[in-house]
Amino acid sequence: MNRTIAMAVVKGAKQNVGVLEQGVNAGKYIDTYQKSCVPVLSAGDPWCAAFVVYRFVSAAEVLR
């Protein structure tokens, strides 16, 4: 089984350990995660799922 994308997602996620919100559902990195889900999410929306989407999109781009 090929787990290349999954491994790239984990590697990228590890780079974000320690990222904290600045305020409520905001901050430099959180804004980046949320933008990966536009038009579904807007600034200030919960960002947990957006983080997962961002990591998968980033991993796919790296592996192209």
Protein backbone atom coordinates (compact mmCIF):
# COMPACT_ATOMS: atom_id res chain seq x y z
CA MET A 1 0.00 0.00 0.00
CA ASN A 2 1.33 3.43 -0.94
CA ARG A 3 1.14 5.91 1.94
CA THR A 4 3.13 8.72 0.35
CA ILE A 5 0.44 11.39 0.76
CA ALA A 6 -0.39 10.30 4.30
CA MET A 7 3.27 10.48 5.30
CA ALA A 8 3.60 13.93 3.70
CA VAL A 9 0.50 15.09 5.63
CA VAL A 10 1.99 13.88 8.91
CA LYS A 11 5.35 15.52 8.15
CA GLY A 12 3.63 18.83 7.39
CA ALA A 13 1.40 18.60 10.46
CA LYS A 14 4.43 18.09 12.69
CA GLN A 15 5.78 21.40 11.41
CA ASN A 16 2.71 23.10 12.88
CA VAL A 17 3.06 21.73 16.41
CA GLY A 18 2.72 24.62 18.80
CA VAL A 19 0.61 26.86 16.57
CA LEU A 20 -1.74 28.84 18.77
CA GLU A 21 -4.75 31.01 18.09
CA GLN A 22 -4.41 34.74 18.46
CA GLY A 23 -7.82 35.67 19.79
CA VAL A 24 -10.71 33.39 18.85
CA ASN A 25 -10.24 31.21 15.75
CA ALA A 26 -7.69 33.65 14.34
CA GLY A 27 -4.00 34.08 13.80
CA LYS A 28 -1.44 34.02 11.00
CA TYR A 29 -1.48 30.25 10.52
CA ILE A 30 -5.17 29.78 11.31
CA ASP A 31 -6.04 32.33 8.60
CA THR A 32 -3.98 30.28 6.13
CA TYR A 33 -5.79 27.07 7.10
CA GLN A 34 -9.20 28.73 6.76
CA LYS A 35 -8.35 30.16 3.33
CA SER A 36 -7.82 26.60 2.06
CA CYS A 37 -11.58 26.08 2.55
CA VAL A 38 -12.93 29.26 0.92
CA PRO A 39 -15.81 29.82 0.15
CA VAL A 40 -17.06 27.39 2.82
CA LEU A 41 -15.19 28.93 5.77
CA SER A 42 -14.67 32.54 6.68
CA ALA A 43 -12.29 34.24 9.09
CA GLY A 44 -13.30 33.40 12.65
CA ASP A 45 -14.87 30.04 11.86
CA PRO A 46 -13.61 26.93 13.69
CA TRP A 47 -10.42 25.81 11.98
CA CYS A 48 -9.82 22.16 12.96
CA ALA A 49 -11.17 20.68 9.70
CA ALA A 50 -9.52 23.47 7.69
CA PHE A 51 -6.17 22.40 9.14
CA VAL A 52 -6.69 18.87 7.80
CA VAL A 53 -7.71 20.15 4.35
CA TYR A 54 -4.71 22.52 4.27
CA ARG A 55 -2.28 19.72 5.18
CA PHE A 56 -3.66 17.38 2.46
CA VAL A 57 -3.62 20.09 -0.22
CA SER A 58 -0.08 21.09 0.77
CA ALA A 59 1.10 17.47 0.72
CA ALA A 60 -0.40 16.91 -2.73
CA GLU A 61 1.29 20.05 -4.07
CA VAL A 62 4.67 18.95 -2.71
CA LEU A 63 4.32 15.53 -4.31
CA ARG A 64 3.41 16.80 -7.78
